[in-house]
C-alpha cells in the first residue's frame, strides 16, 4: 500500500496523528519513536489534521489539496 504524501514537501515519510490521552505503553512508544504515529495532543476538534510529515513537520489532512505537480501531472 503506498504511503500518503505530504502536500508541503511531497515526502512519503508520513504517519497518522493520534489525539486524546492514549495509554502509552512500550509498543506505542516504539511506534512514535519510529515515526509511525505522531501525538497530536489531548484537545480534539472536528477539523484536526489526521497526518503528520516526519520530514518537514507539517500536519495535514488526507483531504488536503494535492501539490501543484500532482494537479498538473495526475500523480
N, C-alpha and C. Protein backbone atom coordinates (compact mmCIF):
# COMPACT_ATOMS: atom_id res chain seq x y z
N UNK A 1 0.84 -1.18 0.00
CA UNK A 1 0.00 0.00 0.00
C UNK A 1 0.89 1.25 0.00
N UNK A 2 0.68 2.17 -0.93
CA UNK A 2 1.52 3.37 -0.98
C UNK A 2 1.26 4.28 0.23
N UNK A 3 2.32 4.92 0.68
CA UNK A 3 2.19 5.84 1.80
C UNK A 3 1.62 7.16 1.31
N UNK A 4 0.97 7.86 2.20
CA UNK A 4 0.36 9.15 1.88
C UNK A 4 1.46 10.20 1.82
N UNK A 5 1.47 10.99 0.74
CA UNK A 5 2.50 12.02 0.55
C UNK A 5 2.10 13.33 1.21
N UNK A 6 3.10 14.03 1.70
CA UNK A 6 2.90 15.35 2.31
C UNK A 6 2.60 16.37 1.23
N UNK A 7 1.56 17.18 1.40
CA UNK A 7 1.26 18.21 0.40
C UNK A 7 2.25 19.38 0.42
N UNK A 8 3.06 19.48 1.47
CA UNK A 8 4.03 20.57 1.57
C UNK A 8 5.36 20.23 0.90
N UNK A 9 5.91 19.04 1.19
CA UNK A 9 7.24 18.70 0.67
C UNK A 9 7.25 17.46 -0.22
N UNK A 10 6.10 16.83 -0.38
CA UNK A 10 5.92 15.66 -1.25
C UNK A 10 6.62 14.40 -0.71
N UNK A 11 7.01 14.41 0.54
CA UNK A 11 7.65 13.25 1.15
C UNK A 11 6.61 12.17 1.45
N UNK A 12 7.02 10.94 1.37
CA UNK A 12 6.17 9.81 1.76
C UNK A 12 6.41 9.39 3.21
N UNK A 13 7.28 10.10 3.88
CA UNK A 13 7.61 9.79 5.27
C UNK A 13 6.57 10.44 6.19
N UNK A 14 5.34 9.94 6.12
CA UNK A 14 4.24 10.49 6.89
C UNK A 14 3.65 9.42 7.80
N UNK A 15 2.88 9.87 8.77
CA UNK A 15 2.24 8.94 9.70
C UNK A 15 0.92 9.53 10.17
N UNK A 16 0.13 8.71 10.83
CA UNK A 16 -1.14 9.20 11.35
C UNK A 16 -0.91 9.99 12.63
N UNK A 17 -1.85 10.87 12.93
CA UNK A 17 -1.80 11.64 14.17
C UNK A 17 -2.81 11.03 15.13
N UNK A 18 -2.36 10.80 16.36
CA UNK A 18 -3.23 10.24 17.40
C UNK A 18 -3.56 11.35 18.38
N UNK A 19 -4.85 11.56 18.60
CA UNK A 19 -5.32 12.59 19.54
C UNK A 19 -5.86 11.94 20.80
N UNK A 20 -6.03 12.74 21.82
CA UNK A 20 -6.57 12.26 23.08
C UNK A 20 -5.46 11.98 24.06
N UNK A 21 -5.78 11.17 25.04
CA UNK A 21 -4.81 10.79 26.06
C UNK A 21 -4.64 9.27 26.03
N UNK A 22 -3.87 8.78 25.04
CA UNK A 22 -3.72 7.32 24.93
C UNK A 22 -2.89 6.75 26.08
N UNK A 23 -3.15 5.51 26.38
CA UNK A 23 -2.34 4.80 27.37
C UNK A 23 -1.04 4.40 26.66
N UNK A 24 0.00 5.15 26.91
CA UNK A 24 1.27 4.92 26.21
C UNK A 24 2.00 3.75 26.87
N UNK A 25 2.09 2.68 26.10
CA UNK A 25 2.85 1.52 26.56
C UNK A 25 4.12 1.42 25.72
N UNK A 26 4.91 0.39 25.93
CA UNK A 26 6.17 0.25 25.20
C UNK A 26 5.96 0.15 23.70
N UNK A 27 4.91 -0.55 23.28
CA UNK A 27 4.64 -0.71 21.86
C UNK A 27 4.29 0.62 21.20
N UNK A 28 3.40 1.41 21.84
CA UNK A 28 3.02 2.70 21.27
C UNK A 28 4.20 3.67 21.29
N UNK A 29 4.99 3.63 22.33
CA UNK A 29 6.18 4.49 22.40
C UNK A 29 7.17 4.14 21.28
N UNK A 30 7.32 2.85 21.01
CA UNK A 30 8.21 2.41 19.92
C UNK A 30 7.67 2.87 18.57
N UNK A 31 6.35 2.83 18.39
CA UNK A 31 5.74 3.30 17.14
C UNK A 31 6.00 4.80 16.96
N UNK A 32 5.87 5.57 18.02
CA UNK A 32 6.12 7.02 17.96
C UNK A 32 7.59 7.29 17.67
N UNK A 33 8.48 6.59 18.34
CA UNK A 33 9.92 6.80 18.13
C UNK A 33 10.35 6.42 16.72
N UNK A 34 9.64 5.48 16.10
CA UNK A 34 9.96 5.04 14.74
C UNK A 34 9.29 5.93 13.69
N UNK A 35 8.48 6.91 14.12
CA UNK A 35 7.82 7.81 13.18
C UNK A 35 6.58 7.22 12.52
N UNK A 36 5.99 6.21 13.15
CA UNK A 36 4.78 5.60 12.59
C UNK A 36 3.50 6.14 13.19
N UNK A 37 3.63 6.96 14.24
CA UNK A 37 2.49 7.65 14.85
C UNK A 37 3.02 8.94 15.46
N UNK A 38 2.17 9.97 15.45
CA UNK A 38 2.53 11.29 15.99
C UNK A 38 1.43 11.68 16.97
N UNK A 39 1.81 12.16 18.14
CA UNK A 39 0.81 12.56 19.14
C UNK A 39 0.38 14.00 18.87
N UNK A 40 -0.93 14.20 18.72
CA UNK A 40 -1.48 15.50 18.37
C UNK A 40 -2.00 16.31 19.53
N UNK A 41 -1.98 15.77 20.72
CA UNK A 41 -2.47 16.49 21.89
C UNK A 41 -3.79 15.94 22.37
N UNK A 42 -4.24 16.44 23.51
CA UNK A 42 -5.45 15.89 24.11
C UNK A 42 -6.71 16.64 23.73
N UNK A 43 -6.60 17.84 23.19
CA UNK A 43 -7.77 18.61 22.77
C UNK A 43 -8.11 18.22 21.33
N UNK A 44 -9.34 17.77 21.12
CA UNK A 44 -9.76 17.29 19.81
C UNK A 44 -10.89 18.16 19.30
N UNK A 45 -10.79 18.58 18.03
CA UNK A 45 -11.89 19.31 17.39
C UNK A 45 -12.27 18.58 16.11
N UNK A 46 -13.32 19.03 15.46
CA UNK A 46 -13.84 18.31 14.30
C UNK A 46 -12.97 18.45 13.05
N UNK A 47 -12.06 19.41 13.01
CA UNK A 47 -11.28 19.61 11.79
C UNK A 47 -9.77 19.47 12.01
N UNK A 48 -9.37 18.68 12.99
CA UNK A 48 -7.95 18.45 13.23
C UNK A 48 -7.34 17.66 12.08
N UNK A 49 -6.09 17.96 11.74
CA UNK A 49 -5.42 17.17 10.69
C UNK A 49 -5.21 15.73 11.16
N UNK A 50 -5.15 14.81 10.22
CA UNK A 50 -5.00 13.40 10.60
C UNK A 50 -3.67 12.79 10.17
N UNK A 51 -2.81 13.57 9.55
CA UNK A 51 -1.50 13.07 9.10
C UNK A 51 -0.41 14.05 9.52
N UNK A 52 0.82 13.52 9.68
CA UNK A 52 1.98 14.31 10.06
C UNK A 52 3.15 13.92 9.16
N UNK A 53 3.90 14.90 8.68
CA UNK A 53 5.09 14.64 7.88
C UNK A 53 6.29 14.64 8.81
N UNK A 54 7.03 13.54 8.82
CA UNK A 54 8.22 13.43 9.67
C UNK A 54 9.40 14.22 9.11
N UNK A 55 9.35 14.61 7.84
CA UNK A 55 10.47 15.34 7.24
C UNK A 55 10.35 16.84 7.44
N UNK A 56 9.19 17.42 7.13
CA UNK A 56 9.06 18.89 7.25
C UNK A 56 8.19 19.31 8.43
N UNK A 57 7.71 18.33 9.23
CA UNK A 57 6.92 18.59 10.44
C UNK A 57 5.57 19.23 10.16
N UNK A 58 5.05 19.11 8.95
CA UNK A 58 3.74 19.65 8.61
C UNK A 58 2.65 18.68 9.03
N UNK A 59 1.61 19.19 9.67
CA UNK A 59 0.42 18.40 9.96
C UNK A 59 -0.59 18.73 8.87
N UNK A 60 -1.25 17.72 8.33
CA UNK A 60 -2.20 17.94 7.24
C UNK A 60 -3.30 16.91 7.29
N UNK A 61 -4.33 17.14 6.53
CA UNK A 61 -5.46 16.22 6.45
C UNK A 61 -5.38 15.48 5.14
N UNK A 62 -5.77 14.24 5.11
CA UNK A 62 -5.71 13.47 3.87
C UNK A 62 -6.64 14.03 2.81
N UNK A 63 -7.54 14.91 3.20
CA UNK A 63 -8.41 15.57 2.23
C UNK A 63 -7.79 16.88 1.72
N UNK A 64 -6.54 17.15 2.14
CA UNK A 64 -5.86 18.38 1.71
C UNK A 64 -5.65 18.36 0.20
N UNK A 65 -5.60 19.53 -0.37
CA UNK A 65 -5.34 19.64 -1.81
C UNK A 65 -4.02 18.98 -2.15
N UNK A 66 -3.97 18.40 -3.31
CA UNK A 66 -2.72 17.80 -3.77
C UNK A 66 -1.77 18.90 -4.20
N UNK A 67 -0.49 18.56 -4.30
CA UNK A 67 0.51 19.53 -4.73
C UNK A 67 0.23 19.95 -6.16
N UNK A 68 0.76 21.08 -6.59
CA UNK A 68 0.56 21.57 -7.95
C UNK A 68 1.09 20.56 -8.98
N UNK A 69 2.19 19.88 -8.65
CA UNK A 69 2.74 18.87 -9.55
C UNK A 69 1.74 17.72 -9.74
N UNK A 70 1.11 17.30 -8.65
CA UNK A 70 0.10 16.26 -8.76
C UNK A 70 -1.11 16.72 -9.54
N UNK A 71 -1.50 17.97 -9.34
CA UNK A 71 -2.65 18.52 -10.07
C UNK A 71 -2.38 18.54 -11.57
N UNK A 72 -1.17 18.93 -11.95
CA UNK A 72 -0.83 19.07 -13.36
C UNK A 72 -0.54 17.74 -14.03
N UNK A 73 0.09 16.82 -13.29
CA UNK A 73 0.56 15.58 -13.90
C UNK A 73 -0.19 14.34 -13.42
N UNK A 74 -1.22 14.54 -12.59
CA UNK A 74 -2.04 13.42 -12.15
C UNK A 74 -1.35 12.42 -11.27
N UNK A 75 -0.32 12.83 -10.57
CA UNK A 75 0.40 11.90 -9.68
C UNK A 75 -0.21 11.92 -8.32
